[in-house]
Every structure is written in structure tokens, then in C-alpha cells.
Amino acid sequence: MTTTPPTGPAQPAPDPPGPGHLLTAGQVAALLGGDISARTVRAYWRTWGLRAYRVGKHLRWRKTDVLTWIDNHPA
């Protein structure tokens, strides 16, 4: 019988390497901080005016677009 090693808390995804790198909804949520979830990002990106790209059936965001959007929308 084989056992699987215990898993700890989920680790955040590593920071993408370059400005043109595409982010997942989870990575965008992490950049936005607070109680924002990946699900919220996927539900409200159009309402927020946050430009997204489709990669197959998935949504992706450019890191530079997200950071610019954050700078233009102070809390």
C-alpha cells in the first residue's frame, strides 16, 4: 500500500516573468488583494472594464493591463 505525503496549505502561483505574460483569474485576484476571489474576477472583469483575452476556453489577463487598471482605480 502506498501513501501520499500530506499536503500543506496551497501555495500561491509564482509571479509571472514578464510584462506580456498572461495571468489566470487566481493570479489577478491575488494582485487585487482583499477578499477578491478568482470567481469574482471571472464574473466582473467586463463590468470593471478590465481587458481580458481568451485562450481556448480560458480567460487570461496581461499583468501590465491589470497593474494599470489598479493604478487608475484607487480603493
PDB file of N, CA and C in Angstrom:
ATOM      1  N   MET A   1       0.852  -1.175   0.000  1.00  0.00           N
ATOM      2  CA  MET A   1       0.000   0.000   0.000  1.00  0.00           C
ATOM      3  C   MET A   1       0.900   1.242   0.000  1.00  0.00           C
ATOM      4  N   THR A   2       0.602   2.151  -0.871  1.00  0.00           N
ATOM      5  CA  THR A   2       1.381   3.387  -0.917  1.00  0.00           C
ATOM      6  C   THR A   2       0.588   4.503  -0.269  1.00  0.00           C
ATOM      7  N   THR A   3       1.309   5.378   0.365  1.00  0.00           N
ATOM      8  CA  THR A   3       0.645   6.527   0.979  1.00  0.00           C
ATOM      9  C   THR A   3       1.110   7.786   0.281  1.00  0.00           C
ATOM     10  N   THR A   4       0.248   8.748   0.248  1.00  0.00           N
ATOM     11  CA  THR A   4       0.615  10.028  -0.348  1.00  0.00           C
ATOM     12  C   THR A   4       1.086  10.951   0.759  1.00  0.00           C
ATOM     13  N   PRO A   5       2.082  11.771   0.477  1.00  0.00           N
ATOM     14  CA  PRO A   5       2.560  12.691   1.504  1.00  0.00           C
ATOM     15  C   PRO A   5       1.490  13.711   1.841  1.00  0.00           C
ATOM     16  N   PRO A   6       1.448  14.160   3.087  1.00  0.00           N
ATOM     17  CA  PRO A   6       0.441  15.160   3.449  1.00  0.00           C
ATOM     18  C   PRO A   6       0.693  16.450   2.679  1.00  0.00           C
ATOM     19  N   THR A   7      -0.383  17.083   2.337  1.00  0.00           N
ATOM     20  CA  THR A   7      -0.256  18.349   1.617  1.00  0.00           C
ATOM     21  C   THR A   7      -0.507  19.490   2.586  1.00  0.00           C
ATOM     22  N   GLY A   8       0.256  20.522   2.430  1.00  0.00           N
ATOM     23  CA  GLY A   8       0.104  21.702   3.275  1.00  0.00           C
ATOM     24  C   GLY A   8      -0.854  22.679   2.616  1.00  0.00           C
ATOM     25  N   PRO A   9      -0.884  23.891   3.125  1.00  0.00           N
ATOM     26  CA  PRO A   9      -1.760  24.893   2.513  1.00  0.00           C
ATOM     27  C   PRO A   9      -1.318  25.175   1.083  1.00  0.00           C
ATOM     28  N   ALA A  10      -2.269  25.545   0.256  1.00  0.00           N
ATOM     29  CA  ALA A  10      -1.965  25.837  -1.145  1.00  0.00           C
ATOM     30  C   ALA A  10      -1.007  27.008  -1.236  1.00  0.00           C
ATOM     31  N   GLN A  11      -0.011  26.856  -2.082  1.00  0.00           N
ATOM     32  CA  GLN A  11       0.965  27.921  -2.287  1.00  0.00           C
ATOM     33  C   GLN A  11       0.510  28.788  -3.449  1.00  0.00           C
ATOM     34  N   PRO A  12       0.695  30.107  -3.351  1.00  0.00           N
ATOM     35  CA  PRO A  12       0.316  30.965  -4.478  1.00  0.00           C
ATOM     36  C   PRO A  12       1.203  30.671  -5.681  1.00  0.00           C
ATOM     37  N   ALA A  13       0.660  30.909  -6.847  1.00  0.00           N
ATOM     38  CA  ALA A  13       1.434  30.697  -8.071  1.00  0.00           C
ATOM     39  C   ALA A  13       2.594  31.676  -8.105  1.00  0.00           C
ATOM     40  N   PRO A  14       3.723  31.255  -8.664  1.00  0.00           N
ATOM     41  CA  PRO A  14       4.859  32.179  -8.740  1.00  0.00           C
ATOM     42  C   PRO A  14       4.540  33.381  -9.608  1.00  0.00           C
ATOM     43  N   ASP A  15       5.208  34.486  -9.326  1.00  0.00           N
ATOM     44  CA  ASP A  15       4.989  35.709 -10.083  1.00  0.00           C
ATOM     45  C   ASP A  15       5.412  35.478 -11.526  1.00  0.00           C
ATOM     46  N   PRO A  16       4.568  35.856 -12.496  1.00  0.00           N
ATOM     47  CA  PRO A  16       4.923  35.656 -13.892  1.00  0.00           C
ATOM     48  C   PRO A  16       6.180  36.440 -14.270  1.00  0.00           C
ATOM     49  N   PRO A  17       6.947  35.931 -15.220  1.00  0.00           N
ATOM     50  CA  PRO A  17       8.239  36.524 -15.519  1.00  0.00           C
ATOM     51  C   PRO A  17       8.228  37.892 -16.175  1.00  0.00           C
ATOM     52  N   GLY A  18       7.363  38.146 -17.123  1.00  0.00           N
ATOM     53  CA  GLY A  18       7.473  39.402 -17.862  1.00  0.00           C
ATOM     54  C   GLY A  18       6.173  40.147 -17.972  1.00  0.00           C
ATOM     55  N   PRO A  19       6.235  41.384 -18.470  1.00  0.00           N
ATOM     56  CA  PRO A  19       5.041  42.213 -18.549  1.00  0.00           C
ATOM     57  C   PRO A  19       4.003  41.686 -19.528  1.00  0.00           C
ATOM     58  N   GLY A  20       4.422  40.941 -20.547  1.00  0.00           N
ATOM     59  CA  GLY A  20       3.473  40.421 -21.518  1.00  0.00           C
ATOM     60  C   GLY A  20       2.891  39.086 -21.127  1.00  0.00           C
ATOM     61  N   HIS A  21       3.322  38.556 -19.998  1.00  0.00           N
ATOM     62  CA  HIS A  21       2.852  37.255 -19.531  1.00  0.00           C
ATOM     63  C   HIS A  21       1.370  37.340 -19.166  1.00  0.00           C
ATOM     64  N   LEU A  22       0.621  36.312 -19.485  1.00  0.00           N
ATOM     65  CA  LEU A  22      -0.808  36.296 -19.197  1.00  0.00           C
ATOM     66  C   LEU A  22      -1.075  35.672 -17.832  1.00  0.00           C
ATOM     67  N   LEU A  23      -1.973  36.295 -17.105  1.00  0.00           N
ATOM     68  CA  LEU A  23      -2.322  35.863 -15.753  1.00  0.00           C
ATOM     69  C   LEU A  23      -3.630  35.086 -15.751  1.00  0.00           C
ATOM     70  N   THR A  24      -3.749  34.165 -14.814  1.00  0.00           N
ATOM     71  CA  THR A  24      -5.010  33.457 -14.584  1.00  0.00           C
ATOM     72  C   THR A  24      -5.895  34.333 -13.694  1.00  0.00           C
ATOM     73  N   ALA A  25      -7.148  33.948 -13.554  1.00  0.00           N
ATOM     74  CA  ALA A  25      -8.059  34.679 -12.681  1.00  0.00           C
ATOM     75  C   ALA A  25      -7.558  34.653 -11.238  1.00  0.00           C
ATOM     76  N   GLY A  26      -6.974  33.560 -10.816  1.00  0.00           N
ATOM     77  CA  GLY A  26      -6.427  33.460  -9.461  1.00  0.00           C
ATOM     78  C   GLY A  26      -5.268  34.420  -9.239  1.00  0.00           C
ATOM     79  N   GLN A  27      -4.416  34.566 -10.242  1.00  0.00           N
ATOM     80  CA  GLN A  27      -3.293  35.490 -10.122  1.00  0.00           C
ATOM     81  C   GLN A  27      -3.769  36.940 -10.120  1.00  0.00           C
ATOM     82  N   VAL A  28      -4.799  37.247 -10.914  1.00  0.00           N
ATOM     83  CA  VAL A  28      -5.380  38.596 -10.904  1.00  0.00           C
ATOM     84  C   VAL A  28      -5.990  38.869  -9.536  1.00  0.00           C
ATOM     85  N   ALA A  29      -6.699  37.902  -8.986  1.00  0.00           N
ATOM     86  CA  ALA A  29      -7.300  38.060  -7.660  1.00  0.00           C
ATOM     87  C   ALA A  29      -6.229  38.334  -6.613  1.00  0.00           C
ATOM     88  N   ALA A  30      -5.100  37.638  -6.709  1.00  0.00           N
ATOM     89  CA  ALA A  30      -4.003  37.847  -5.757  1.00  0.00           C
ATOM     90  C   ALA A  30      -3.436  39.260  -5.889  1.00  0.00           C
ATOM     91  N   LEU A  31      -3.328  39.771  -7.108  1.00  0.00           N
ATOM     92  CA  LEU A  31      -2.842  41.141  -7.312  1.00  0.00           C
ATOM     93  C   LEU A  31      -3.822  42.167  -6.746  1.00  0.00           C
ATOM     94  N   LEU A  32      -5.120  41.883  -6.891  1.00  0.00           N
ATOM     95  CA  LEU A  32      -6.138  42.811  -6.378  1.00  0.00           C
ATOM     96  C   LEU A  32      -6.201  42.774  -4.862  1.00  0.00           C
ATOM     97  N   GLY A  33      -5.866  41.638  -4.277  1.00  0.00           N
ATOM     98  CA  GLY A  33      -5.830  41.507  -2.821  1.00  0.00           C
ATOM     99  C   GLY A  33      -7.210  41.517  -2.197  1.00  0.00           C
ATOM    100  N   GLY A  34      -7.233  41.668  -0.893  1.00  0.00           N
ATOM    101  CA  GLY A  34      -8.501  41.684  -0.168  1.00  0.00           C
ATOM    102  C   GLY A  34      -9.208  40.353  -0.242  1.00  0.00           C
ATOM    103  N   ASP A  35     -10.525  40.412  -0.305  1.00  0.00           N
ATOM    104  CA  ASP A  35     -11.341  39.203  -0.344  1.00  0.00           C
ATOM    105  C   ASP A  35     -11.790  38.861  -1.756  1.00  0.00           C
ATOM    106  N   ILE A  36     -11.073  39.342  -2.754  1.00  0.00           N
ATOM    107  CA  ILE A  36     -11.431  39.070  -4.144  1.00  0.00           C
ATOM    108  C   ILE A  36     -11.019  37.635  -4.483  1.00  0.00           C
ATOM    109  N   SER A  37     -11.948  36.895  -5.075  1.00  0.00           N
ATOM    110  CA  SER A  37     -11.657  35.518  -5.479  1.00  0.00           C
ATOM    111  C   SER A  37     -11.522  35.438  -6.992  1.00  0.00           C
ATOM    112  N   ALA A  38     -10.983  34.339  -7.457  1.00  0.00           N
ATOM    113  CA  ALA A  38     -10.872  34.109  -8.898  1.00  0.00           C
ATOM    114  C   ALA A  38     -12.261  34.103  -9.533  1.00  0.00           C
ATOM    115  N   ARG A  39     -13.210  33.563  -8.818  1.00  0.00           N
ATOM    116  CA  ARG A  39     -14.587  33.518  -9.322  1.00  0.00           C
ATOM    117  C   ARG A  39     -15.145  34.928  -9.522  1.00  0.00           C
ATOM    118  N   THR A  40     -14.853  35.832  -8.592  1.00  0.00           N
ATOM    119  CA  THR A  40     -15.299  37.219  -8.703  1.00  0.00           C
ATOM    120  C   THR A  40     -14.640  37.894  -9.901  1.00  0.00           C
ATOM    121  N   VAL A  41     -13.351  37.657 -10.101  1.00  0.00           N
ATOM    122  CA  VAL A  41     -12.644  38.231 -11.253  1.00  0.00           C
ATOM    123  C   VAL A  41     -13.308  37.778 -12.544  1.00  0.00           C
ATOM    124  N   ARG A  42     -13.589  36.478 -12.657  1.00  0.00           N
ATOM    125  CA  ARG A  42     -14.222  35.955 -13.880  1.00  0.00           C
ATOM    126  C   ARG A  42     -15.629  36.512 -14.075  1.00  0.00           C
ATOM    127  N   ALA A  43     -16.334  36.802 -12.996  1.00  0.00           N
ATOM    128  CA  ALA A  43     -17.707  37.293 -13.103  1.00  0.00           C
ATOM    129  C   ALA A  43     -17.784  38.786 -13.434  1.00  0.00           C
ATOM    130  N   TYR A  44     -16.817  39.597 -12.971  1.00  0.00           N
ATOM    131  CA  TYR A  44     -16.944  41.047 -13.069  1.00  0.00           C
ATOM    132  C   TYR A  44     -15.926  41.753 -13.963  1.00  0.00           C
ATOM    133  N   TRP A  45     -15.044  41.025 -14.650  1.00  0.00           N
ATOM    134  CA  TRP A  45     -13.996  41.686 -15.425  1.00  0.00           C
ATOM    135  C   TRP A  45     -14.560  42.649 -16.463  1.00  0.00           C
ATOM    136  N   ARG A  46     -15.691  42.317 -17.088  1.00  0.00           N
ATOM    137  CA  ARG A  46     -16.294  43.228 -18.076  1.00  0.00           C
ATOM    138  C   ARG A  46     -16.848  44.475 -17.391  1.00  0.00           C
ATOM    139  N   THR A  47     -17.539  44.280 -16.290  1.00  0.00           N
ATOM    140  CA  THR A  47     -18.116  45.396 -15.544  1.00  0.00           C
ATOM    141  C   THR A  47     -17.032  46.358 -15.086  1.00  0.00           C
ATOM    142  N   TRP A  48     -15.895  45.818 -14.673  1.00  0.00           N
ATOM    143  CA  TRP A  48     -14.780  46.630 -14.201  1.00  0.00           C
ATOM    144  C   TRP A  48     -14.024  47.303 -15.340  1.00  0.00           C
ATOM    145  N   GLY A  49     -14.258  46.869 -16.585  1.00  0.00           N
ATOM    146  CA  GLY A  49     -13.521  47.415 -17.715  1.00  0.00           C
ATOM    147  C   GLY A  49     -12.109  46.885 -17.808  1.00  0.00           C
ATOM    148  N   LEU A  50     -11.894  45.693 -17.301  1.00  0.00           N
ATOM    149  CA  LEU A  50     -10.577  45.062 -17.295  1.00  0.00           C
ATOM    150  C   LEU A  50     -10.447  44.175 -18.528  1.00  0.00           C
ATOM    151  N   ARG A  51      -9.548  44.532 -19.431  1.00  0.00           N
ATOM    152  CA  ARG A  51      -9.407  43.813 -20.686  1.00  0.00           C
ATOM    153  C   ARG A  51      -8.894  42.391 -20.452  1.00  0.00           C
ATOM    154  N   ALA A  52      -9.560  41.421 -21.096  1.00  0.00           N
ATOM    155  CA  ALA A  52      -9.176  40.010 -20.957  1.00  0.00           C
ATOM    156  C   ALA A  52      -9.010  39.393 -22.332  1.00  0.00           C
ATOM    157  N   TYR A  53      -8.325  38.273 -22.369  1.00  0.00           N
ATOM    158  CA  TYR A  53      -8.083  37.525 -23.607  1.00  0.00           C
ATOM    159  C   TYR A  53      -8.546  36.098 -23.402  1.00  0.00           C
ATOM    160  N   ARG A  54      -9.111  35.525 -24.451  1.00  0.00           N
ATOM    161  CA  ARG A  54      -9.498  34.119 -24.396  1.00  0.00           C
ATOM    162  C   ARG A  54      -8.358  33.267 -24.947  1.00  0.00           C
ATOM    163  N   VAL A  55      -7.987  32.272 -24.175  1.00  0.00           N
ATOM    164  CA  VAL A  55      -7.011  31.283 -24.614  1.00  0.00           C
ATOM    165  C   VAL A  55      -7.748  29.953 -24.551  1.00  0.00           C
ATOM    166  N   GLY A  56      -8.232  29.523 -25.703  1.00  0.00           N
ATOM    167  CA  GLY A  56      -9.121  28.368 -25.709  1.00  0.00           C
ATOM    168  C   GLY A  56     -10.409  28.756 -25.004  1.00  0.00           C
ATOM    169  N   LYS A  57     -10.773  28.015 -23.983  1.00  0.00           N
ATOM    170  CA  LYS A  57     -11.979  28.349 -23.222  1.00  0.00           C
ATOM    171  C   LYS A  57     -11.670  29.151 -21.953  1.00  0.00           C
ATOM    172  N   HIS A  58     -10.395  29.492 -21.759  1.00  0.00           N
ATOM    173  CA  HIS A  58      -9.964  30.169 -20.541  1.00  0.00           C
ATOM    174  C   HIS A  58      -9.775  31.666 -20.755  1.00  0.00           C
ATOM    175  N   LEU A  59      -9.999  32.439 -19.708  1.00  0.00           N
ATOM    176  CA  LEU A  59      -9.733  33.873 -19.731  1.00  0.00           C
ATOM    177  C   LEU A  59      -8.349  34.117 -19.152  1.00  0.00           C
ATOM    178  N   ARG A  60      -7.634  35.055 -19.750  1.00  0.00           N
ATOM    179  CA  ARG A  60      -6.323  35.460 -19.252  1.00  0.00           C
ATOM    180  C   ARG A  60      -6.220  36.978 -19.332  1.00  0.00           C
ATOM    181  N   TRP A  61      -5.395  37.548 -18.448  1.00  0.00           N
ATOM    182  CA  TRP A  61      -5.191  38.986 -18.386  1.00  0.00           C
ATOM    183  C   TRP A  61      -3.709  39.287 -18.441  1.00  0.00           C
ATOM    184  N   ARG A  62      -3.330  40.372 -19.148  1.00  0.00           N
ATOM    185  CA  ARG A  62      -1.927  40.803 -19.166  1.00  0.00           C
ATOM    186  C   ARG A  62      -1.621  41.489 -17.841  1.00  0.00           C
ATOM    187  N   LYS A  63      -0.470  41.167 -17.283  1.00  0.00           N
ATOM    188  CA  LYS A  63      -0.089  41.744 -15.992  1.00  0.00           C
ATOM    189  C   LYS A  63      -0.030  43.266 -16.078  1.00  0.00           C
ATOM    190  N   THR A  64       0.521  43.799 -17.176  1.00  0.00           N
ATOM    191  CA  THR A  64       0.617  45.258 -17.314  1.00  0.00           C
ATOM    192  C   THR A  64      -0.766  45.895 -17.357  1.00  0.00           C
ATOM    193  N   ASP A  65      -1.739  45.244 -18.014  1.00  0.00           N
ATOM    194  CA  ASP A  65      -3.109  45.774 -18.057  1.00  0.00           C
ATOM    195  C   ASP A  65      -3.725  45.803 -16.664  1.00  0.00           C
ATOM    196  N   VAL A  66      -3.486  44.751 -15.895  1.00  0.00           N
ATOM    197  CA  VAL A  66      -4.053  44.674 -14.541  1.00  0.00           C
ATOM    198  C   VAL A  66      -3.424  45.744 -13.644  1.00  0.00           C
ATOM    199  N   LEU A  67      -2.100  45.894 -13.710  1.00  0.00           N
ATOM    200  CA  LEU A  67      -1.431  46.897 -12.875  1.00  0.00           C
ATOM    201  C   LEU A  67      -1.859  48.317 -13.253  1.00  0.00           C
ATOM    202  N   THR A  68      -2.030  48.582 -14.553  1.00  0.00           N
ATOM    203  CA  THR A  68      -2.519  49.886 -14.997  1.00  0.00           C
ATOM    204  C   THR A  68      -3.929  50.120 -14.475  1.00  0.00           C
ATOM    205  N   TRP A  69      -4.763  49.096 -14.550  1.00  0.00           N
ATOM    206  CA  TRP A  69      -6.147  49.212 -14.081  1.00  0.00           C
ATOM    207  C   TRP A  69      -6.155  49.513 -12.575  1.00  0.00           C
ATOM    208  N   ILE A  70      -5.304  48.842 -11.826  1.00  0.00           N
ATOM    209  CA  ILE A  70      -5.218  49.079 -10.382  1.00  0.00           C
ATOM    210  C   ILE A  70      -4.814  50.523 -10.101  1.00  0.00           C
ATOM    211  N   ASP A  71      -3.813  51.021 -10.840  1.00  0.00           N
ATOM    212  CA  ASP A  71      -3.359  52.408 -10.649  1.00  0.00           C
ATOM    213  C   ASP A  71      -4.451  53.420 -10.957  1.00  0.00           C
ATOM    214  N   ASN A  72      -5.328  53.100 -11.918  1.00  0.00           N
ATOM    215  CA  ASN A  72      -6.400  54.015 -12.313  1.00  0.00           C
ATOM    216  C   ASN A  72      -7.660  53.898 -11.476  1.00  0.00           C
ATOM    217  N   HIS A  73      -7.708  52.919 -10.583  1.00  0.00           N
ATOM    218  CA  HIS A  73      -8.893  52.693  -9.744  1.00  0.00           C
ATOM    219  C   HIS A  73      -8.483  52.555  -8.277  1.00  0.00           C
ATOM    220  N   PRO A  74      -8.148  53.696  -7.638  1.00  0.00           N
ATOM    221  CA  PRO A  74      -7.763  53.613  -6.220  1.00  0.00           C
ATOM    222  C   PRO A  74      -8.939  53.149  -5.364  1.00  0.00           C
ATOM    223  N   ALA A  75      -8.610  52.522  -4.264  1.00  0.00           N
ATOM    224  CA  ALA A  75      -9.642  51.988  -3.363  1.00  0.00           C
ATOM    225  C   ALA A  75     -10.457  53.073  -2.715  1.00  0.00           C
TER     226      ALA A  75
END
